[in-house]
Amino acid sequence: MLKLSWELLLEVQGRLEAELIKSMLEASGIQVELFQEAVGHHVYPVMVDGLGRVQVFVAKEDLSAARHIIAQMQPPTVIE
């Protein structure tokens, strides 16, 4: 039996951003798991002392592809 091995892709502040990233990656066929501290998880999102931080994990074999997708999601830097 194959055991799926997970790697930390990134950490974001807030469940909404994590869910958007998860949707983008899953649309590309990449399995995603989110991990967040339980306090304020659903009803009242808490952003104090890292409690709003969400870790985004992907399957080890998909890490490179996921990094590539995330890099493309970053907005371009505007220099004035």
PDB file of N, CA and C in Angstrom:
ATOM      1  N   MET A   1       0.835  -1.189   0.000  1.00  0.00           N
ATOM      2  CA  MET A   1       0.000   0.000   0.000  1.00  0.00           C
ATOM      3  C   MET A   1       0.876   1.247   0.000  1.00  0.00           C
ATOM      4  N   LEU A   2       0.600   2.148  -0.896  1.00  0.00           N
ATOM      5  CA  LEU A   2       1.354   3.398  -0.978  1.00  0.00           C
ATOM      6  C   LEU A   2       0.931   4.352   0.122  1.00  0.00           C
ATOM      7  N   LYS A   3       1.911   4.940   0.772  1.00  0.00           N
ATOM      8  CA  LYS A   3       1.613   5.927   1.798  1.00  0.00           C
ATOM      9  C   LYS A   3       1.907   7.309   1.223  1.00  0.00           C
ATOM     10  N   LEU A   4       0.903   8.184   1.237  1.00  0.00           N
ATOM     11  CA  LEU A   4       1.061   9.528   0.703  1.00  0.00           C
ATOM     12  C   LEU A   4       1.875  10.364   1.675  1.00  0.00           C
ATOM     13  N   SER A   5       2.897  11.008   1.186  1.00  0.00           N
ATOM     14  CA  SER A   5       3.780  11.829   1.996  1.00  0.00           C
ATOM     15  C   SER A   5       3.500  13.301   1.685  1.00  0.00           C
ATOM     16  N   TRP A   6       3.259  14.092   2.713  1.00  0.00           N
ATOM     17  CA  TRP A   6       2.910  15.503   2.545  1.00  0.00           C
ATOM     18  C   TRP A   6       4.097  16.409   2.811  1.00  0.00           C
ATOM     19  N   GLU A   7       4.164  17.524   2.073  1.00  0.00           N
ATOM     20  CA  GLU A   7       5.200  18.544   2.253  1.00  0.00           C
ATOM     21  C   GLU A   7       4.520  19.897   2.451  1.00  0.00           C
ATOM     22  N   LEU A   8       5.085  20.712   3.315  1.00  0.00           N
ATOM     23  CA  LEU A   8       4.569  22.058   3.528  1.00  0.00           C
ATOM     24  C   LEU A   8       4.902  22.920   2.319  1.00  0.00           C
ATOM     25  N   LEU A   9       3.886  23.448   1.686  1.00  0.00           N
ATOM     26  CA  LEU A   9       4.077  24.330   0.530  1.00  0.00           C
ATOM     27  C   LEU A   9       4.262  25.758   0.993  1.00  0.00           C
ATOM     28  N   LEU A  10       3.344  26.235   1.819  1.00  0.00           N
ATOM     29  CA  LEU A  10       3.430  27.607   2.324  1.00  0.00           C
ATOM     30  C   LEU A  10       2.478  27.806   3.485  1.00  0.00           C
ATOM     31  N   GLU A  11       2.617  28.953   4.144  1.00  0.00           N
ATOM     32  CA  GLU A  11       1.703  29.353   5.206  1.00  0.00           C
ATOM     33  C   GLU A  11       1.095  30.679   4.804  1.00  0.00           C
ATOM     34  N   VAL A  12      -0.203  30.821   5.030  1.00  0.00           N
ATOM     35  CA  VAL A  12      -0.894  32.067   4.720  1.00  0.00           C
ATOM     36  C   VAL A  12      -1.653  32.535   5.946  1.00  0.00           C
ATOM     37  N   GLN A  13      -2.035  33.785   5.943  1.00  0.00           N
ATOM     38  CA  GLN A  13      -2.780  34.355   7.055  1.00  0.00           C
ATOM     39  C   GLN A  13      -4.254  34.377   6.686  1.00  0.00           C
ATOM     40  N   GLY A  14      -5.006  33.439   7.214  1.00  0.00           N
ATOM     41  CA  GLY A  14      -6.444  33.431   6.985  1.00  0.00           C
ATOM     42  C   GLY A  14      -6.927  32.265   6.149  1.00  0.00           C
ATOM     43  N   ARG A  15      -8.067  31.758   6.524  1.00  0.00           N
ATOM     44  CA  ARG A  15      -8.656  30.586   5.875  1.00  0.00           C
ATOM     45  C   ARG A  15      -9.106  30.884   4.446  1.00  0.00           C
ATOM     46  N   LEU A  16      -9.603  32.106   4.196  1.00  0.00           N
ATOM     47  CA  LEU A  16     -10.080  32.448   2.864  1.00  0.00           C
ATOM     48  C   LEU A  16      -8.968  32.319   1.828  1.00  0.00           C
ATOM     49  N   GLU A  17      -7.819  32.906   2.116  1.00  0.00           N
ATOM     50  CA  GLU A  17      -6.694  32.818   1.185  1.00  0.00           C
ATOM     51  C   GLU A  17      -6.265  31.358   0.992  1.00  0.00           C
ATOM     52  N   ALA A  18      -6.246  30.595   2.077  1.00  0.00           N
ATOM     53  CA  ALA A  18      -5.864  29.188   1.987  1.00  0.00           C
ATOM     54  C   ALA A  18      -6.835  28.403   1.103  1.00  0.00           C
ATOM     55  N   GLU A  19      -8.117  28.663   1.251  1.00  0.00           N
ATOM     56  CA  GLU A  19      -9.118  27.968   0.438  1.00  0.00           C
ATOM     57  C   GLU A  19      -8.992  28.340  -1.043  1.00  0.00           C
ATOM     58  N   LEU A  20      -8.667  29.597  -1.335  1.00  0.00           N
ATOM     59  CA  LEU A  20      -8.468  30.008  -2.729  1.00  0.00           C
ATOM     60  C   LEU A  20      -7.275  29.287  -3.343  1.00  0.00           C
ATOM     61  N   ILE A  21      -6.191  29.211  -2.583  1.00  0.00           N
ATOM     62  CA  ILE A  21      -4.996  28.508  -3.059  1.00  0.00           C
ATOM     63  C   ILE A  21      -5.304  27.032  -3.260  1.00  0.00           C
ATOM     64  N   LYS A  22      -6.015  26.455  -2.321  1.00  0.00           N
ATOM     65  CA  LYS A  22      -6.394  25.042  -2.427  1.00  0.00           C
ATOM     66  C   LYS A  22      -7.202  24.795  -3.700  1.00  0.00           C
ATOM     67  N   SER A  23      -8.151  25.662  -3.982  1.00  0.00           N
ATOM     68  CA  SER A  23      -8.979  25.515  -5.184  1.00  0.00           C
ATOM     69  C   SER A  23      -8.144  25.586  -6.454  1.00  0.00           C
ATOM     70  N   MET A  24      -7.216  26.534  -6.498  1.00  0.00           N
ATOM     71  CA  MET A  24      -6.351  26.674  -7.679  1.00  0.00           C
ATOM     72  C   MET A  24      -5.513  25.411  -7.897  1.00  0.00           C
ATOM     73  N   LEU A  25      -4.935  24.901  -6.814  1.00  0.00           N
ATOM     74  CA  LEU A  25      -4.081  23.724  -6.929  1.00  0.00           C
ATOM     75  C   LEU A  25      -4.886  22.488  -7.298  1.00  0.00           C
ATOM     76  N   GLU A  26      -6.049  22.311  -6.673  1.00  0.00           N
ATOM     77  CA  GLU A  26      -6.874  21.148  -6.982  1.00  0.00           C
ATOM     78  C   GLU A  26      -7.383  21.197  -8.417  1.00  0.00           C
ATOM     79  N   ALA A  27      -7.606  22.383  -8.948  1.00  0.00           N
ATOM     80  CA  ALA A  27      -8.026  22.512 -10.341  1.00  0.00           C
ATOM     81  C   ALA A  27      -6.936  22.021 -11.290  1.00  0.00           C
ATOM     82  N   SER A  28      -5.695  22.017 -10.805  1.00  0.00           N
ATOM     83  CA  SER A  28      -4.573  21.520 -11.595  1.00  0.00           C
ATOM     84  C   SER A  28      -4.240  20.062 -11.276  1.00  0.00           C
ATOM     85  N   GLY A  29      -5.097  19.422 -10.491  1.00  0.00           N
ATOM     86  CA  GLY A  29      -4.907  18.010 -10.186  1.00  0.00           C
ATOM     87  C   GLY A  29      -3.967  17.729  -9.023  1.00  0.00           C
ATOM     88  N   ILE A  30      -3.708  18.726  -8.204  1.00  0.00           N
ATOM     89  CA  ILE A  30      -2.798  18.566  -7.067  1.00  0.00           C
ATOM     90  C   ILE A  30      -3.617  18.384  -5.791  1.00  0.00           C
ATOM     91  N   GLN A  31      -3.305  17.333  -5.041  1.00  0.00           N
ATOM     92  CA  GLN A  31      -3.984  17.087  -3.771  1.00  0.00           C
ATOM     93  C   GLN A  31      -3.475  18.071  -2.720  1.00  0.00           C
ATOM     94  N   VAL A  32      -4.395  18.619  -1.929  1.00  0.00           N
ATOM     95  CA  VAL A  32      -4.051  19.649  -0.946  1.00  0.00           C
ATOM     96  C   VAL A  32      -4.705  19.322   0.388  1.00  0.00           C
ATOM     97  N   GLU A  33      -3.973  19.567   1.463  1.00  0.00           N
ATOM     98  CA  GLU A  33      -4.503  19.481   2.819  1.00  0.00           C
ATOM     99  C   GLU A  33      -4.179  20.791   3.522  1.00  0.00           C
ATOM    100  N   LEU A  34      -5.156  21.326   4.258  1.00  0.00           N
ATOM    101  CA  LEU A  34      -4.960  22.550   5.018  1.00  0.00           C
ATOM    102  C   LEU A  34      -4.909  22.212   6.501  1.00  0.00           C
ATOM    103  N   PHE A  35      -4.035  22.897   7.228  1.00  0.00           N
ATOM    104  CA  PHE A  35      -3.950  22.710   8.672  1.00  0.00           C
ATOM    105  C   PHE A  35      -3.991  24.071   9.334  1.00  0.00           C
ATOM    106  N   GLN A  36      -4.880  24.205  10.335  1.00  0.00           N
ATOM    107  CA  GLN A  36      -5.012  25.462  11.066  1.00  0.00           C
ATOM    108  C   GLN A  36      -5.319  25.152  12.521  1.00  0.00           C
ATOM    109  N   GLU A  37      -4.804  25.982  13.420  1.00  0.00           N
ATOM    110  CA  GLU A  37      -5.138  25.845  14.831  1.00  0.00           C
ATOM    111  C   GLU A  37      -6.648  25.934  14.985  1.00  0.00           C
ATOM    112  N   ALA A  38      -7.208  25.253  15.940  1.00  0.00           N
ATOM    113  CA  ALA A  38      -8.651  25.136  16.084  1.00  0.00           C
ATOM    114  C   ALA A  38      -9.337  26.414  16.550  1.00  0.00           C
ATOM    115  N   VAL A  39      -8.660  27.277  17.305  1.00  0.00           N
ATOM    116  CA  VAL A  39      -9.310  28.473  17.847  1.00  0.00           C
ATOM    117  C   VAL A  39      -9.705  29.412  16.709  1.00  0.00           C
ATOM    118  N   GLY A  40     -10.971  29.760  16.652  1.00  0.00           N
ATOM    119  CA  GLY A  40     -11.448  30.697  15.637  1.00  0.00           C
ATOM    120  C   GLY A  40     -11.473  30.132  14.245  1.00  0.00           C
ATOM    121  N   HIS A  41     -11.494  28.840  14.132  1.00  0.00           N
ATOM    122  CA  HIS A  41     -11.381  28.194  12.825  1.00  0.00           C
ATOM    123  C   HIS A  41     -12.508  28.544  11.871  1.00  0.00           C
ATOM    124  N   HIS A  42     -13.754  28.499  12.308  1.00  0.00           N
ATOM    125  CA  HIS A  42     -14.857  28.723  11.379  1.00  0.00           C
ATOM    126  C   HIS A  42     -15.691  29.959  11.679  1.00  0.00           C
ATOM    127  N   VAL A  43     -16.183  30.080  12.884  1.00  0.00           N
ATOM    128  CA  VAL A  43     -17.167  31.117  13.169  1.00  0.00           C
ATOM    129  C   VAL A  43     -16.543  32.500  13.238  1.00  0.00           C
ATOM    130  N   TYR A  44     -15.494  32.636  14.040  1.00  0.00           N
ATOM    131  CA  TYR A  44     -14.847  33.934  14.205  1.00  0.00           C
ATOM    132  C   TYR A  44     -13.364  33.806  13.853  1.00  0.00           C
ATOM    133  N   PRO A  45     -12.994  34.183  12.656  1.00  0.00           N
ATOM    134  CA  PRO A  45     -11.582  34.047  12.286  1.00  0.00           C
ATOM    135  C   PRO A  45     -10.704  34.918  13.178  1.00  0.00           C
ATOM    136  N   VAL A  46      -9.726  34.316  13.808  1.00  0.00           N
ATOM    137  CA  VAL A  46      -8.831  35.003  14.725  1.00  0.00           C
ATOM    138  C   VAL A  46      -7.488  35.203  14.054  1.00  0.00           C
ATOM    139  N   MET A  47      -6.946  36.407  14.129  1.00  0.00           N
ATOM    140  CA  MET A  47      -5.666  36.714  13.502  1.00  0.00           C
ATOM    141  C   MET A  47      -4.619  37.137  14.536  1.00  0.00           C
ATOM    142  N   VAL A  48      -4.767  36.690  15.773  1.00  0.00           N
ATOM    143  CA  VAL A  48      -3.869  37.100  16.837  1.00  0.00           C
ATOM    144  C   VAL A  48      -2.862  35.997  17.128  1.00  0.00           C
ATOM    145  N   ASP A  49      -1.601  36.372  17.291  1.00  0.00           N
ATOM    146  CA  ASP A  49      -0.545  35.434  17.676  1.00  0.00           C
ATOM    147  C   ASP A  49      -0.469  34.209  16.775  1.00  0.00           C
ATOM    148  N   GLY A  50      -0.671  34.375  15.500  1.00  0.00           N
ATOM    149  CA  GLY A  50      -0.538  33.275  14.557  1.00  0.00           C
ATOM    150  C   GLY A  50      -1.706  32.315  14.513  1.00  0.00           C
ATOM    151  N   LEU A  51      -2.788  32.586  15.246  1.00  0.00           N
ATOM    152  CA  LEU A  51      -3.915  31.665  15.242  1.00  0.00           C
ATOM    153  C   LEU A  51      -4.668  31.680  13.923  1.00  0.00           C
ATOM    154  N   GLY A  52      -4.492  32.730  13.125  1.00  0.00           N
ATOM    155  CA  GLY A  52      -5.140  32.776  11.818  1.00  0.00           C
ATOM    156  C   GLY A  52      -4.295  32.154  10.732  1.00  0.00           C
ATOM    157  N   ARG A  53      -3.107  31.691  11.099  1.00  0.00           N
ATOM    158  CA  ARG A  53      -2.184  31.116  10.120  1.00  0.00           C
ATOM    159  C   ARG A  53      -2.687  29.744   9.675  1.00  0.00           C
ATOM    160  N   VAL A  54      -2.649  29.527   8.371  1.00  0.00           N
ATOM    161  CA  VAL A  54      -3.062  28.242   7.796  1.00  0.00           C
ATOM    162  C   VAL A  54      -1.883  27.691   7.001  1.00  0.00           C
ATOM    163  N   GLN A  55      -1.552  26.439   7.262  1.00  0.00           N
ATOM    164  CA  GLN A  55      -0.487  25.778   6.521  1.00  0.00           C
ATOM    165  C   GLN A  55      -1.098  24.993   5.373  1.00  0.00           C
ATOM    166  N   VAL A  56      -0.485  25.139   4.199  1.00  0.00           N
ATOM    167  CA  VAL A  56      -0.959  24.455   2.991  1.00  0.00           C
ATOM    168  C   VAL A  56       0.044  23.347   2.661  1.00  0.00           C
ATOM    169  N   PHE A  57      -0.438  22.113   2.708  1.00  0.00           N
ATOM    170  CA  PHE A  57       0.400  20.951   2.408  1.00  0.00           C
ATOM    171  C   PHE A  57      -0.023  20.337   1.081  1.00  0.00           C
ATOM    172  N   VAL A  58       0.965  19.833   0.329  1.00  0.00           N
ATOM    173  CA  VAL A  58       0.692  19.121  -0.919  1.00  0.00           C
ATOM    174  C   VAL A  58       1.441  17.797  -0.891  1.00  0.00           C
ATOM    175  N   ALA A  59       1.025  16.878  -1.735  1.00  0.00           N
ATOM    176  CA  ALA A  59       1.731  15.601  -1.845  1.00  0.00           C
ATOM    177  C   ALA A  59       3.169  15.870  -2.283  1.00  0.00           C
ATOM    178  N   LYS A  60       4.096  15.132  -1.702  1.00  0.00           N
ATOM    179  CA  LYS A  60       5.523  15.353  -1.950  1.00  0.00           C
ATOM    180  C   LYS A  60       5.858  15.379  -3.444  1.00  0.00           C
ATOM    181  N   GLU A  61       5.250  14.471  -4.204  1.00  0.00           N
ATOM    182  CA  GLU A  61       5.571  14.408  -5.638  1.00  0.00           C
ATOM    183  C   GLU A  61       5.001  15.593  -6.427  1.00  0.00           C
ATOM    184  N   ASP A  62       4.071  16.341  -5.829  1.00  0.00           N
ATOM    185  CA  ASP A  62       3.476  17.504  -6.497  1.00  0.00           C
ATOM    186  C   ASP A  62       4.083  18.835  -6.051  1.00  0.00           C
ATOM    187  N   LEU A  63       5.076  18.798  -5.168  1.00  0.00           N
ATOM    188  CA  LEU A  63       5.619  20.024  -4.584  1.00  0.00           C
ATOM    189  C   LEU A  63       6.167  20.983  -5.644  1.00  0.00           C
ATOM    190  N   SER A  64       6.927  20.490  -6.580  1.00  0.00           N
ATOM    191  CA  SER A  64       7.514  21.347  -7.612  1.00  0.00           C
ATOM    192  C   SER A  64       6.437  22.005  -8.472  1.00  0.00           C
ATOM    193  N   ALA A  65       5.458  21.238  -8.898  1.00  0.00           N
ATOM    194  CA  ALA A  65       4.371  21.780  -9.718  1.00  0.00           C
ATOM    195  C   ALA A  65       3.563  22.804  -8.927  1.00  0.00           C
ATOM    196  N   ALA A  66       3.314  22.524  -7.646  1.00  0.00           N
ATOM    197  CA  ALA A  66       2.559  23.457  -6.807  1.00  0.00           C
ATOM    198  C   ALA A  66       3.319  24.768  -6.635  1.00  0.00           C
ATOM    199  N   ARG A  67       4.623  24.686  -6.439  1.00  0.00           N
ATOM    200  CA  ARG A  67       5.441  25.914  -6.317  1.00  0.00           C
ATOM    201  C   ARG A  67       5.363  26.740  -7.594  1.00  0.00           C
ATOM    202  N   HIS A  68       5.369  26.062  -8.726  1.00  0.00           N
ATOM    203  CA  HIS A  68       5.278  26.764 -10.007  1.00  0.00           C
ATOM    204  C   HIS A  68       3.933  27.497 -10.137  1.00  0.00           C
ATOM    205  N   ILE A  69       2.858  26.855  -9.748  1.00  0.00           N
ATOM    206  CA  ILE A  69       1.528  27.469  -9.810  1.00  0.00           C
ATOM    207  C   ILE A  69       1.453  28.664  -8.862  1.00  0.00           C
ATOM    208  N   ILE A  70       1.982  28.515  -7.653  1.00  0.00           N
ATOM    209  CA  ILE A  70       1.979  29.608  -6.673  1.00  0.00           C
ATOM    210  C   ILE A  70       2.785  30.788  -7.190  1.00  0.00           C
ATOM    211  N   ALA A  71       3.909  30.528  -7.810  1.00  0.00           N
ATOM    212  CA  ALA A  71       4.744  31.609  -8.355  1.00  0.00           C
ATOM    213  C   ALA A  71       3.989  32.394  -9.418  1.00  0.00           C
ATOM    214  N   GLN A  72       3.162  31.726 -10.194  1.00  0.00           N
ATOM    215  CA  GLN A  72       2.391  32.409 -11.225  1.00  0.00           C
ATOM    216  C   GLN A  72       1.241  33.215 -10.638  1.00  0.00           C
ATOM    217  N   MET A  73       0.814  32.872  -9.418  1.00  0.00           N
ATOM    218  CA  MET A  73      -0.287  33.583  -8.773  1.00  0.00           C
ATOM    219  C   MET A  73       0.143  34.925  -8.186  1.00  0.00           C
ATOM    220  N   GLN A  74       1.428  35.091  -7.933  1.00  0.00           N
ATOM    221  CA  GLN A  74       1.912  36.313  -7.303  1.00  0.00           C
ATOM    222  C   GLN A  74       1.688  37.514  -8.221  1.00  0.00           C
ATOM    223  N   PRO A  75       1.132  38.600  -7.677  1.00  0.00           N
ATOM    224  CA  PRO A  75       0.919  39.786  -8.518  1.00  0.00           C
ATOM    225  C   PRO A  75       2.258  40.409  -8.897  1.00  0.00           C
ATOM    226  N   PRO A  76       2.335  40.998 -10.088  1.00  0.00           N
ATOM    227  CA  PRO A  76       3.577  41.644 -10.493  1.00  0.00           C
ATOM    228  C   PRO A  76       3.899  42.850  -9.615  1.00  0.00           C
ATOM    229  N   THR A  77       5.165  43.093  -9.429  1.00  0.00           N
ATOM    230  CA  THR A  77       5.598  44.240  -8.621  1.00  0.00           C
ATOM    231  C   THR A  77       5.536  45.505  -9.479  1.00  0.00           C
ATOM    232  N   VAL A  78       4.872  46.510  -8.946  1.00  0.00           N
ATOM    233  CA  VAL A  78       4.748  47.800  -9.663  1.00  0.00           C
ATOM    234  C   VAL A  78       5.783  48.747  -9.096  1.00  0.00           C
ATOM    235  N   ILE A  79       6.609  49.260  -9.976  1.00  0.00           N
ATOM    236  CA  ILE A  79       7.644  50.225  -9.561  1.00  0.00           C
ATOM    237  C   ILE A  79       7.237  51.588 -10.079  1.00  0.00           C
ATOM    238  N   GLU A  80       7.136  52.524  -9.159  1.00  0.00           N
ATOM    239  CA  GLU A  80       6.726  53.881  -9.550  1.00  0.00           C
ATOM    240  C   GLU A  80       7.907  54.793  -9.606  1.00  0.00           C
TER     241      GLU A  80
END
